[in-house]
Amino acid sequence: MKRPREGRIWKNRSLDTRDSSSWNGDDEDGGRNRDPIPLDLTLEILARLPVKSLTRFRSVSKLWASIIHGRDFINSFVVNPWNQPRLLFVFQYCKKWFIFSSPQNMNMEEISSSRATFHMSCPEDRPWFPHSGSVYGLICCGLPPSFVVLNPSTGQSIRLPKVKSRRLGIKKYLGYDPIVHQHKVLCMSVCLSNRWGESFVAGEFQVLTLGARKLSWRMIECSVPHYPEKDHYCSEYDGICINGVVYYQARSQKYNGISMIMSFDVGSEKFSFIKPPEGIDFHLFHLILINYKGKLAKICCGSDIDLWVLEDAEKHEWSRKIHVPSPSWGYPIRKSIKYHIVTVNDEGEIVFAPRYLNHPLRVIYYNLERNTVRKVEIKGIAGDEFRLQDQDKSRRFNLTTLANHTESMMPL
């Protein structure tokens, strides 16, 4: 049997396997026969289970509890090949916030369905609205100066210390360092650079490390004067973390106000910037930052759809992978009030999610190269299963969809 790519959970194990026995029924004397399960097989089984099952199985034995609580297993679980990416649906209804998810990579049938998994709900008065994507199983929610980091799989959350700033505008980004397996929250304040409002500038750059003995914000330096941009059409515009680097859209007066990409290395906590392709002004397009096969990519939407992939950040080298006309059913995408782009999956399909909680709730997959469309109905959220009453169907409930969410056992 082929093992997962991340093999750390199989290494340096000196646990006593005598506790890993399973009962195989009663024998003729009224006793029970022990049928020991090899440790490697136990690890293989646990790695394939969802988080809800792992939470219950911690009480099976001391061995299982020690494995599931072990740092090696927790770090490897979020990236193992059986932990497939999911779409995370977040919405507010009946004075509560609800979080569901469904598989991101569906079957290739033209019309299909999938039943959503319920994760958790929380009171309306708490700041649970997410403003950035899922990062290795965690999401960062809330409004400044109070933020909350949430693990939808376990239902755990932690309220971060208030950000100390003299400015009103505060931006945040969640990142993850895969080398030391550590989440960090990057925060910056934004204000006018002068009293006439000629330009904006970001300052007071602060970082908080999750898992530290005492949670606190600490100041860091940024040598690139800039200010982050915001697109109200897509939350992913607020930043994305890929291979230990947080990317977000920004502008800089120092570089003639061009639209560029800022990068923040989560491990070294250093900033740098990436220029757009020569002759291309990203500011003229509706942009979505995505993870395209492990690389940063940007979807530029106008009368056409362009997919630009970052090949070399240091040399500012981009390649245009796809250039096709916008589909007639979504033209122009920037003006669409029904759907928005959330990601591009491994099959090269653009994934469109609805902006509102509709019944039926459908996710659309558009293949750029073949110009084909698939529709997947997400069951178990809208409709009778979720008790959307007839009088509520005329109301619009905003729906936030986060792509590439993976389950995590990370404790908070």
Protein backbone atom coordinates (compact mmCIF):
# COMPACT_ATOMS: atom_id res chain seq x y z
CA MET A 1 0.00 0.00 0.00
CA LYS A 2 1.34 3.38 -1.00
CA ARG A 3 2.00 5.73 1.87
CA PRO A 4 1.37 9.49 1.95
CA ARG A 5 3.97 11.88 0.64
CA GLU A 6 4.57 13.38 4.06
CA GLY A 7 6.33 10.61 5.90
CA ARG A 8 7.23 12.37 9.13
CA ILE A 9 4.55 10.65 11.12
CA TRP A 10 6.16 7.29 10.36
CA LYS A 11 9.64 8.30 11.48
CA ASN A 12 11.34 8.17 14.88
CA ARG A 13 8.52 6.20 16.45
CA SER A 14 9.37 4.35 19.68
CA LEU A 15 5.83 3.91 21.00
CA ASP A 16 4.79 0.71 22.74
CA THR A 17 2.58 -1.11 20.23
CA ARG A 18 1.09 -3.37 22.88
CA ASP A 19 -1.70 -0.81 23.40
CA SER A 20 -2.58 -0.89 19.70
CA SER A 21 -4.29 -4.28 19.88
CA SER A 22 -7.85 -4.65 18.71
CA TRP A 23 -10.35 -7.08 20.12
CA ASN A 24 -11.30 -9.78 17.65
CA GLY A 25 -14.28 -11.31 19.47
CA ASP A 26 -14.75 -13.84 22.27
CA ASP A 27 -12.96 -17.19 22.31
CA GLU A 28 -14.36 -20.53 23.53
CA ASP A 29 -13.21 -19.88 27.12
CA GLY A 30 -15.15 -16.61 27.32
CA GLY A 31 -11.98 -14.55 26.95
CA ARG A 32 -10.95 -12.41 24.06
CA ASN A 33 -8.34 -12.91 21.37
CA ARG A 34 -5.91 -10.16 20.73
CA ASP A 35 -5.17 -9.35 17.08
CA PRO A 36 -2.36 -6.75 17.19
CA ILE A 37 -2.48 -4.04 14.53
CA PRO A 38 0.97 -3.07 13.21
CA LEU A 39 1.90 0.50 14.04
CA ASP A 40 2.42 1.43 10.39
CA LEU A 41 -1.07 0.21 9.54
CA THR A 42 -2.52 2.14 12.49
CA LEU A 43 -0.89 5.32 11.22
CA GLU A 44 -2.11 4.59 7.70
CA ILE A 45 -5.68 4.21 8.95
CA LEU A 46 -5.62 7.35 11.10
CA ALA A 47 -4.18 9.45 8.28
CA ARG A 48 -7.21 8.64 6.12
CA LEU A 49 -9.85 9.60 8.69
CA PRO A 50 -11.65 12.97 8.89
CA VAL A 51 -11.03 15.21 11.87
CA LYS A 52 -14.39 14.46 13.50
CA SER A 53 -13.54 10.74 13.57
CA LEU A 54 -10.03 11.40 14.89
CA THR A 55 -11.49 13.48 17.71
CA ARG A 56 -13.68 10.56 18.78
CA PHE A 57 -10.96 7.93 18.34
CA ARG A 58 -8.59 9.63 20.76
CA SER A 59 -10.33 7.64 23.49
CA VAL A 60 -9.71 4.24 21.85
CA SER A 61 -6.32 3.76 23.49
CA LYS A 62 -3.37 5.64 24.92
CA LEU A 63 -1.41 4.85 21.78
CA TRP A 64 -4.03 6.33 19.48
CA ALA A 65 -4.34 9.39 21.69
CA SER A 66 -0.56 9.92 21.69
CA ILE A 67 -0.44 9.61 17.89
CA ILE A 68 -3.37 11.95 17.22
CA HIS A 69 -2.08 14.55 19.69
CA GLY A 70 1.49 14.24 18.41
CA ARG A 71 3.00 17.23 16.67
CA ASP A 72 4.35 15.11 13.79
CA PHE A 73 0.91 13.70 13.01
CA ILE A 74 -0.79 17.11 13.26
CA ASN A 75 1.75 18.74 10.93
CA SER A 76 1.61 15.94 8.37
CA PHE A 77 -2.16 15.47 8.45
CA VAL A 78 -2.95 18.83 6.85
CA VAL A 79 -0.85 18.02 3.75
CA ASN A 80 -1.34 14.28 3.37
CA PRO A 81 -2.74 13.18 -0.01
CA TRP A 82 -6.02 11.90 1.44
CA ASN A 83 -6.84 15.30 2.93
CA GLN A 84 -8.26 16.71 -0.28
CA PRO A 85 -9.04 20.44 -0.69
CA ARG A 86 -12.56 21.58 0.08
CA LEU A 87 -14.73 24.63 -0.52
CA LEU A 88 -15.63 26.36 2.74
CA PHE A 89 -19.03 28.10 2.87
CA VAL A 90 -19.58 30.79 5.50
CA PHE A 91 -22.83 32.72 5.93
CA GLN A 92 -24.99 34.48 8.50
CA TYR A 93 -28.56 33.35 9.16
CA CYS A 94 -31.02 33.63 12.07
CA LYS A 95 -28.55 35.58 14.24
CA LYS A 96 -25.82 32.97 13.83
CA TRP A 97 -22.80 32.29 11.65
CA PHE A 98 -22.67 28.88 9.95
CA ILE A 99 -19.73 27.08 8.37
CA PHE A 100 -20.10 24.18 5.92
CA SER A 101 -17.75 22.56 3.42
CA SER A 102 -17.84 20.27 0.39
CA PRO A 103 -15.16 18.64 -1.81
CA GLN A 104 -13.52 21.10 -4.18
CA ASN A 105 -12.60 18.58 -6.87
CA MET A 106 -15.84 16.93 -7.99
CA ASN A 107 -16.39 14.21 -10.57
CA MET A 108 -16.31 15.27 -14.19
CA GLU A 109 -20.01 14.78 -14.95
CA GLU A 110 -21.80 17.71 -16.54
CA ILE A 111 -24.43 17.82 -13.78
CA SER A 112 -23.80 16.28 -10.35
CA SER A 113 -24.39 16.91 -6.65
CA SER A 114 -22.51 16.81 -3.38
CA ARG A 115 -23.72 16.89 0.22
CA ALA A 116 -22.09 19.55 2.38
CA THR A 117 -20.53 18.79 5.76
CA PHE A 118 -21.59 20.97 8.68
CA HIS A 119 -18.67 22.17 10.80
CA MET A 120 -19.90 24.69 13.33
CA SER A 121 -22.11 27.65 14.16
CA CYS A 122 -21.46 30.60 16.42
CA PRO A 123 -23.34 33.62 17.76
CA GLU A 124 -23.94 36.61 15.54
CA ASP A 125 -22.41 39.06 18.01
CA ARG A 126 -18.94 37.55 17.56
CA PRO A 127 -16.67 38.72 14.71
CA TRP A 128 -16.62 35.55 12.60
CA PHE A 129 -16.76 37.05 9.10
CA PRO A 130 -13.66 35.86 7.19
CA HIS A 131 -11.68 38.40 5.18
CA SER A 132 -9.01 36.07 3.82
CA GLY A 133 -8.70 32.52 2.59
CA SER A 134 -8.11 29.27 4.45
CA VAL A 135 -4.43 28.73 5.29
CA TYR A 136 -3.48 25.15 6.16
CA GLY A 137 -6.80 24.54 7.89
CA LEU A 138 -7.15 27.86 9.75
CA ILE A 139 -9.00 31.07 8.87
CA CYS A 140 -8.68 34.55 10.32
CA CYS A 141 -11.93 36.38 11.02
CA GLY A 142 -13.20 39.57 12.56
CA LEU A 143 -13.01 43.30 12.22
CA PRO A 144 -10.17 45.52 13.49
CA PRO A 145 -8.87 45.88 16.07
CA SER A 146 -10.19 42.48 17.27
CA PHE A 147 -9.42 39.34 15.29
CA VAL A 148 -10.22 35.67 15.82
CA VAL A 149 -8.38 32.65 14.38
CA LEU A 150 -10.66 29.69 13.81
CA ASN A 151 -10.22 25.99 13.07
CA PRO A 152 -13.52 24.94 11.41
CA SER A 153 -12.63 21.24 11.57
CA THR A 154 -12.26 21.12 15.37
CA GLY A 155 -14.56 24.04 16.16
CA GLN A 156 -11.84 25.70 18.22
CA SER A 157 -11.11 29.41 18.10
CA ILE A 158 -8.81 31.87 19.76
CA ARG A 159 -9.30 35.60 20.14
CA LEU A 160 -6.14 37.56 19.36
CA PRO A 161 -4.96 40.54 21.40
CA LYS A 162 -6.26 43.85 20.10
CA VAL A 163 -4.06 45.53 17.55
CA LYS A 164 -2.56 48.70 18.95
CA SER A 165 -2.67 51.42 16.32
CA ARG A 166 -3.33 55.13 16.07
CA ARG A 167 -4.85 54.63 12.63
CA LEU A 168 -8.32 53.48 11.72
CA GLY A 169 -7.61 51.33 8.68
CA ILE A 170 -6.06 47.95 9.54
CA LYS A 171 -5.32 45.09 7.14
CA LYS A 172 -4.47 41.53 8.17
CA TYR A 173 -3.08 38.44 6.42
CA LEU A 174 -2.73 34.89 7.71
CA GLY A 175 0.37 32.95 6.72
CA TYR A 176 2.03 29.60 7.40
CA ASP A 177 5.69 28.55 7.49
CA PRO A 178 5.80 24.90 6.30
CA ILE A 179 9.40 24.45 7.48
CA VAL A 180 8.73 25.01 11.17
CA HIS A 181 4.94 24.38 10.88
CA GLN A 182 3.93 27.73 12.30
CA HIS A 183 1.05 30.10 11.58
CA LYS A 184 1.57 33.86 11.77
CA VAL A 185 -0.75 36.84 11.39
CA LEU A 186 0.60 39.89 9.56
CA CYS A 187 -1.08 43.19 10.35
CA MET A 188 -0.56 46.71 9.03
CA SER A 189 -2.32 50.03 9.34
CA VAL A 190 -3.23 52.27 6.43
CA CYS A 191 -3.59 56.04 6.42
CA LEU A 192 -3.37 59.06 4.11
CA SER A 193 0.18 60.15 3.47
CA ASN A 194 -0.78 63.83 3.68
CA ARG A 195 -3.75 65.96 4.67
CA TRP A 196 -4.81 66.47 1.04
CA GLY A 197 -5.28 62.74 0.55
CA GLU A 198 -2.97 62.49 -2.43
CA SER A 199 -1.92 58.92 -1.65
CA PHE A 200 -2.11 56.16 0.91
CA VAL A 201 0.70 54.50 2.79
CA ALA A 202 0.86 51.46 5.07
CA GLY A 203 2.76 51.47 8.33
CA GLU A 204 2.95 49.96 11.81
CA PHE A 205 3.71 46.49 10.48
CA GLN A 206 3.11 43.92 13.20
CA VAL A 207 3.31 40.13 13.45
CA LEU A 208 1.74 37.67 15.87
CA THR A 209 2.92 34.05 16.10
CA LEU A 210 0.26 31.46 16.89
CA GLY A 211 1.25 28.79 19.38
CA ALA A 212 3.54 31.12 21.30
CA ARG A 213 3.40 30.88 25.08
CA LYS A 214 2.08 34.44 25.22
CA LEU A 215 0.23 35.90 22.24
CA SER A 216 1.42 39.41 21.48
CA TRP A 217 1.98 41.72 18.52
CA ARG A 218 5.51 42.79 17.72
CA MET A 219 6.66 45.46 15.30
CA ILE A 220 8.68 44.58 12.19
CA GLU A 221 10.27 46.70 9.45
CA CYS A 222 9.22 47.03 5.82
CA SER A 223 11.62 48.68 3.37
CA VAL A 224 9.09 48.93 0.52
CA PRO A 225 6.66 51.85 0.95
CA HIS A 226 3.26 50.68 -0.29
CA TYR A 227 -0.39 50.35 0.54
CA PRO A 228 -2.55 47.25 0.05
CA GLU A 229 -5.43 47.35 -2.39
CA LYS A 230 -8.86 45.91 -1.81
CA ASP A 231 -11.26 44.35 -4.31
CA HIS A 232 -14.82 43.96 -3.09
CA TYR A 233 -15.55 41.24 -5.64
CA CYS A 234 -13.40 38.52 -4.15
CA SER A 235 -11.96 37.85 -0.69
CA GLU A 236 -8.90 36.14 -2.19
CA TYR A 237 -7.80 39.60 -3.33
CA ASP A 238 -6.95 40.21 0.33
CA GLY A 239 -4.02 37.84 0.09
CA ILE A 240 -3.04 34.23 -0.38
CA CYS A 241 -0.34 32.07 1.22
CA ILE A 242 1.65 29.68 -0.99
CA ASN A 243 4.71 27.70 0.16
CA GLY A 244 5.40 29.94 3.14
CA VAL A 245 4.91 33.27 1.34
CA VAL A 246 1.94 35.62 1.69
CA TYR A 247 1.07 37.55 -1.49
CA TYR A 248 -1.27 40.53 -1.75
CA GLN A 249 -2.11 43.22 -4.27
CA ALA A 250 -0.60 46.65 -3.57
CA ARG A 251 0.47 49.99 -4.99
CA SER A 252 3.54 52.14 -4.35
CA GLN A 253 4.07 55.83 -4.99
CA LYS A 254 7.82 55.17 -4.97
CA TYR A 255 7.38 53.14 -8.18
CA ASN A 256 5.07 55.63 -9.94
CA GLY A 257 1.95 54.18 -8.36
CA ILE A 258 2.05 50.98 -10.39
CA SER A 259 -0.07 48.05 -9.33
CA MET A 260 2.17 45.26 -8.08
CA ILE A 261 2.26 42.19 -5.86
CA MET A 262 3.78 42.39 -2.40
CA SER A 263 5.25 39.25 -0.89
CA PHE A 264 5.90 38.51 2.77
CA ASP A 265 8.12 35.57 3.69
CA VAL A 266 6.48 34.09 6.79
CA GLY A 267 9.69 32.50 8.04
CA SER A 268 12.16 35.38 7.60
CA GLU A 269 9.46 38.09 7.95
CA LYS A 270 10.93 40.00 5.00
CA PHE A 271 8.98 41.98 2.39
CA SER A 272 9.62 42.23 -1.34
CA PHE A 273 7.62 43.27 -4.38
CA ILE A 274 6.88 41.70 -7.75
CA LYS A 275 6.31 43.77 -10.87
CA PRO A 276 3.52 42.90 -13.30
CA PRO A 277 4.37 41.56 -16.79
CA GLU A 278 5.83 44.17 -19.11
CA GLY A 279 3.13 46.25 -20.75
CA ILE A 280 0.39 44.93 -18.42
CA ASP A 281 -1.32 47.12 -15.84
CA PHE A 282 -3.05 44.77 -13.41
CA HIS A 283 -5.04 47.69 -12.04
CA LEU A 284 -7.11 47.81 -15.25
CA PHE A 285 -8.48 44.30 -14.67
CA HIS A 286 -10.56 42.46 -12.12
CA LEU A 287 -7.92 40.32 -10.45
CA ILE A 288 -7.98 37.19 -8.36
CA LEU A 289 -4.88 35.77 -6.72
CA ILE A 290 -4.88 31.98 -6.78
CA ASN A 291 -2.67 28.98 -6.15
CA TYR A 292 -2.10 27.40 -9.56
CA LYS A 293 -0.31 24.08 -9.18
CA GLY A 294 1.85 25.40 -6.35
CA LYS A 295 2.62 28.76 -7.98
CA LEU A 296 1.14 32.21 -7.56
CA ALA A 297 -1.19 33.07 -10.42
CA LYS A 298 -3.54 35.89 -11.30
CA ILE A 299 -6.76 35.66 -13.22
CA CYS A 300 -7.42 38.89 -15.12
CA CYS A 301 -11.06 39.25 -16.07
CA GLY A 302 -12.42 41.74 -18.56
CA SER A 303 -13.80 41.07 -22.02
CA ASP A 304 -11.28 38.19 -22.00
CA ILE A 305 -9.88 35.89 -19.33
CA ASP A 306 -6.11 35.74 -18.90
CA LEU A 307 -4.26 33.44 -16.52
CA TRP A 308 -0.82 34.75 -15.59
CA VAL A 309 1.53 32.48 -13.60
CA LEU A 310 4.54 33.73 -11.64
CA GLU A 311 7.57 31.73 -12.77
CA ASP A 312 10.37 33.60 -10.97
CA ALA A 313 9.66 36.15 -8.24
CA GLU A 314 13.21 37.51 -8.06
CA LYS A 315 13.33 38.16 -11.83
CA HIS A 316 9.67 39.31 -11.98
CA GLU A 317 9.00 36.72 -14.68
CA TRP A 318 5.41 35.83 -15.57
CA SER A 319 3.97 33.54 -18.21
CA ARG A 320 0.50 33.74 -19.72
CA LYS A 321 -0.90 30.24 -19.64
CA ILE A 322 -4.42 30.90 -20.90
CA HIS A 323 -6.12 33.61 -22.98
CA VAL A 324 -9.77 33.00 -23.87
CA PRO A 325 -12.93 35.11 -24.28
CA SER A 326 -15.16 35.40 -21.22
CA PRO A 327 -18.02 32.87 -21.24
CA SER A 328 -21.30 34.32 -22.48
CA TRP A 329 -23.14 33.24 -19.34
CA GLY A 330 -20.74 35.17 -17.12
CA TYR A 331 -19.94 38.25 -19.23
CA PRO A 332 -18.71 40.56 -18.01
CA ILE A 333 -17.53 38.68 -14.91
CA ARG A 334 -16.61 41.85 -13.09
CA LYS A 335 -20.23 43.01 -13.25
CA SER A 336 -21.70 39.64 -12.27
CA ILE A 337 -23.99 39.83 -9.26
CA LYS A 338 -24.62 36.10 -9.03
CA TYR A 339 -21.21 34.39 -9.14
CA HIS A 340 -17.59 35.16 -8.50
CA ILE A 341 -14.33 33.28 -9.09
CA VAL A 342 -12.83 31.53 -6.09
CA THR A 343 -10.02 29.43 -7.57
CA VAL A 344 -8.73 27.26 -10.42
CA ASN A 345 -8.67 23.55 -9.60
CA ASP A 346 -6.12 20.89 -10.55
CA GLU A 347 -8.01 20.14 -13.75
CA GLY A 348 -7.56 23.72 -14.96
CA GLU A 349 -11.20 24.64 -14.34
CA ILE A 350 -12.23 28.04 -13.01
CA VAL A 351 -14.48 27.52 -9.99
CA PHE A 352 -17.38 29.97 -9.69
CA ALA A 353 -19.30 30.18 -6.41
CA PRO A 354 -22.58 32.06 -5.80
CA ARG A 355 -22.49 35.35 -3.94
CA TYR A 356 -25.74 34.61 -2.15
CA LEU A 357 -27.26 31.63 -0.37
CA ASN A 358 -29.61 30.38 -3.08
CA HIS A 359 -31.79 27.30 -3.41
CA PRO A 360 -30.64 25.23 -5.16
CA LEU A 361 -27.05 26.14 -4.33
CA ARG A 362 -24.79 25.45 -7.31
CA VAL A 363 -21.05 25.73 -7.92
CA ILE A 364 -19.96 26.13 -11.56
CA TYR A 365 -16.76 24.68 -13.07
CA TYR A 366 -15.63 26.27 -16.33
CA ASN A 367 -12.92 24.55 -18.35
CA LEU A 368 -10.98 27.28 -20.16
CA GLU A 369 -9.30 25.05 -22.72
CA ARG A 370 -12.33 22.96 -23.70
CA ASN A 371 -14.90 25.72 -23.16
CA THR A 372 -17.14 23.35 -21.19
CA VAL A 373 -19.24 23.99 -18.11
CA ARG A 374 -20.10 21.67 -15.22
CA LYS A 375 -22.62 22.40 -12.48
CA VAL A 376 -22.51 20.84 -9.02
CA GLU A 377 -25.46 21.23 -6.66
CA ILE A 378 -24.42 21.56 -3.02
CA LYS A 379 -27.07 19.87 -0.89
CA GLY A 380 -27.65 20.15 2.84
CA ILE A 381 -27.27 23.94 3.19
CA ALA A 382 -30.10 25.79 1.44
CA GLY A 383 -33.65 24.49 1.20
CA ASP A 384 -35.62 22.35 3.59
CA GLU A 385 -32.51 20.70 5.07
CA PHE A 386 -31.43 24.06 6.44
CA ARG A 387 -34.93 25.34 7.18
CA LEU A 388 -34.90 28.31 4.83
CA GLN A 389 -38.53 29.30 5.19
CA ASP A 390 -40.67 30.54 2.32
CA GLN A 391 -40.65 34.07 3.68
CA ASP A 392 -36.84 34.01 3.72
CA LYS A 393 -36.40 33.01 0.07
CA SER A 394 -36.96 36.57 -1.12
CA ARG A 395 -34.10 37.80 1.10
CA ARG A 396 -30.47 37.75 0.11
CA PHE A 397 -28.10 36.06 2.51
CA ASN A 398 -24.48 36.82 1.63
CA LEU A 399 -22.36 33.71 1.07
CA THR A 400 -18.57 33.69 1.42
CA THR A 401 -16.76 30.80 -0.28
CA LEU A 402 -13.13 30.03 0.58
CA ALA A 403 -11.15 27.68 -1.66
CA ASN A 404 -8.42 25.13 -0.94
CA HIS A 405 -9.48 24.47 2.63
CA THR A 406 -7.96 21.36 4.16
CA GLU A 407 -8.93 19.79 7.45
CA SER A 408 -6.54 20.35 10.32
CA MET A 409 -5.99 18.97 13.81
CA MET A 410 -4.08 22.11 14.80
CA PRO A 411 -5.02 22.99 18.40
CA LEU A 412 -5.86 26.57 19.32
